[in-house]
Amino acid sequence: DDIIMRASSSSSTGPKIEEVRVATWNIASVNNNPFEYWVSHPDPAYNELMEGVQDFIDNPGQRDVSIEDVLDVSMVGQLFADLRHHDVQHVDEVERMW
C-alpha cells in the first residue's frame, strides 16, 4: 500500500496542504535480492526483465553507483537534522559511520 504524507507550509495566501505519495520496497531481504519472489510467467518480456534485474544485482560493473554520488553532503546533513528534529535515536552513531 502507498504511504500518504501530508506536509503543510504557509504562504501569503495562507496555509497550504500538499500530499506526497510514496511506496517502499524492502530490499534488505535475507538473500539481499528484492526479486526473491520471482515467479514463472509465460511472457518472455517478463522473464527478460527479471533476468536483466538479476544480472544487474549480481554484476553491476560500470553501472554501480556509490551512495555518495547520489546523496551530496548537504542532503545528508539535512537528513541528519530532520532525524534529530524527530527525536530519532542513534543519529550521532549513524553520522559517525557516514
Protein backbone atom coordinates (compact mmCIF):
# COMPACT_ATOMS: atom_id res chain seq x y z
CA ASP A 1 0.00 0.00 0.00
CA ASP A 2 1.04 3.58 -0.60
CA ILE A 3 2.02 5.72 2.33
CA ILE A 4 0.47 9.17 2.25
CA MET A 5 2.29 12.02 3.92
CA ARG A 6 0.75 15.42 4.33
CA ALA A 7 3.01 18.43 4.51
CA SER A 8 1.89 21.92 5.33
CA SER A 9 3.54 25.18 4.53
CA SER A 10 2.41 28.74 4.78
CA SER A 11 2.43 31.42 2.16
CA SER A 12 0.96 34.88 1.69
CA THR A 13 -2.34 33.20 0.76
CA GLY A 14 -2.46 31.10 3.94
CA PRO A 15 -1.63 27.51 4.81
CA LYS A 16 -1.16 25.05 2.00
CA ILE A 17 -1.55 21.28 2.41
CA GLU A 18 0.20 19.01 -0.06
CA GLU A 19 0.13 15.23 -0.36
CA VAL A 20 3.16 13.20 -1.25
CA ARG A 21 2.61 9.58 -2.19
CA VAL A 22 5.48 7.20 -1.61
CA ALA A 23 5.91 3.47 -1.85
CA THR A 24 8.54 1.40 -0.12
CA TRP A 25 10.12 -1.85 -1.08
CA ASN A 26 12.14 -3.83 1.43
CA ILE A 27 15.30 -4.75 -0.45
CA ALA A 28 17.08 -5.97 2.67
CA SER A 29 15.80 -9.50 2.46
CA VAL A 30 17.76 -12.41 3.84
CA ASN A 31 19.35 -13.14 0.48
CA ASN A 32 19.72 -9.42 -0.46
CA ASN A 33 17.57 -9.96 -3.54
CA PRO A 34 14.39 -7.89 -3.84
CA PHE A 35 13.28 -10.22 -6.61
CA GLU A 36 13.35 -13.29 -4.37
CA TYR A 37 9.71 -13.94 -5.21
CA TRP A 38 10.38 -14.29 -8.91
CA VAL A 39 7.51 -16.27 -10.35
CA SER A 40 7.33 -18.28 -13.54
CA HIS A 41 5.46 -16.48 -16.26
CA PRO A 42 4.81 -17.37 -19.90
CA ASP A 43 5.55 -13.81 -21.11
CA PRO A 44 9.13 -13.71 -22.49
CA ALA A 45 9.34 -9.96 -21.77
CA TYR A 46 8.72 -10.60 -18.06
CA ASN A 47 11.42 -13.25 -17.93
CA GLU A 48 13.84 -10.97 -19.80
CA LEU A 49 13.14 -8.15 -17.32
CA MET A 50 13.69 -10.37 -14.31
CA GLU A 51 16.88 -11.86 -15.75
CA GLY A 52 18.17 -8.36 -16.51
CA VAL A 53 17.48 -7.18 -12.97
CA GLN A 54 19.17 -10.25 -11.52
CA ASP A 55 22.18 -9.67 -13.74
CA PHE A 56 22.38 -6.05 -12.60
CA ILE A 57 22.29 -7.13 -8.94
CA ASP A 58 24.92 -9.82 -9.46
CA ASN A 59 27.17 -7.88 -11.86
CA PRO A 60 26.60 -4.12 -11.74
CA GLY A 61 30.05 -3.36 -13.18
CA GLN A 62 30.22 0.19 -14.56
CA ARG A 63 26.52 0.65 -13.75
CA ASP A 64 27.23 0.57 -9.99
CA VAL A 65 26.79 3.89 -8.21
CA SER A 66 28.16 4.82 -4.78
CA ILE A 67 25.71 6.32 -2.32
CA GLU A 68 27.82 9.48 -2.05
CA ASP A 69 27.24 10.01 -5.77
CA VAL A 70 23.51 10.08 -5.12
CA LEU A 71 23.31 11.94 -1.80
CA ASP A 72 25.51 15.03 -1.58
CA VAL A 73 26.84 16.45 1.69
CA SER A 74 24.02 18.98 2.09
CA MET A 75 21.35 16.31 1.52
CA VAL A 76 22.87 14.03 4.15
CA GLY A 77 23.22 16.96 6.57
CA GLN A 78 19.54 17.78 6.09
CA LEU A 79 18.61 14.14 6.65
CA PHE A 80 20.51 14.01 9.95
CA ALA A 81 18.96 17.33 11.03
CA ASP A 82 15.47 16.03 10.22
CA LEU A 83 16.10 12.78 12.10
CA ARG A 84 17.26 14.72 15.16
CA HIS A 85 14.25 17.03 14.91
CA HIS A 86 12.01 13.96 15.12
CA ASP A 87 13.96 12.57 18.09
CA VAL A 88 15.23 9.52 16.21
CA GLN A 89 17.69 7.60 18.35
CA HIS A 90 21.34 6.86 17.46
CA VAL A 91 21.66 9.56 14.78
CA ASP A 92 25.12 10.55 16.09
CA GLU A 93 26.32 6.96 15.70
CA VAL A 94 24.99 6.75 12.14
CA GLU A 95 26.54 10.11 11.31
CA ARG A 96 29.95 8.91 12.58
CA MET A 97 29.66 5.82 10.35
CA TRP A 98 28.73 8.00 7.37
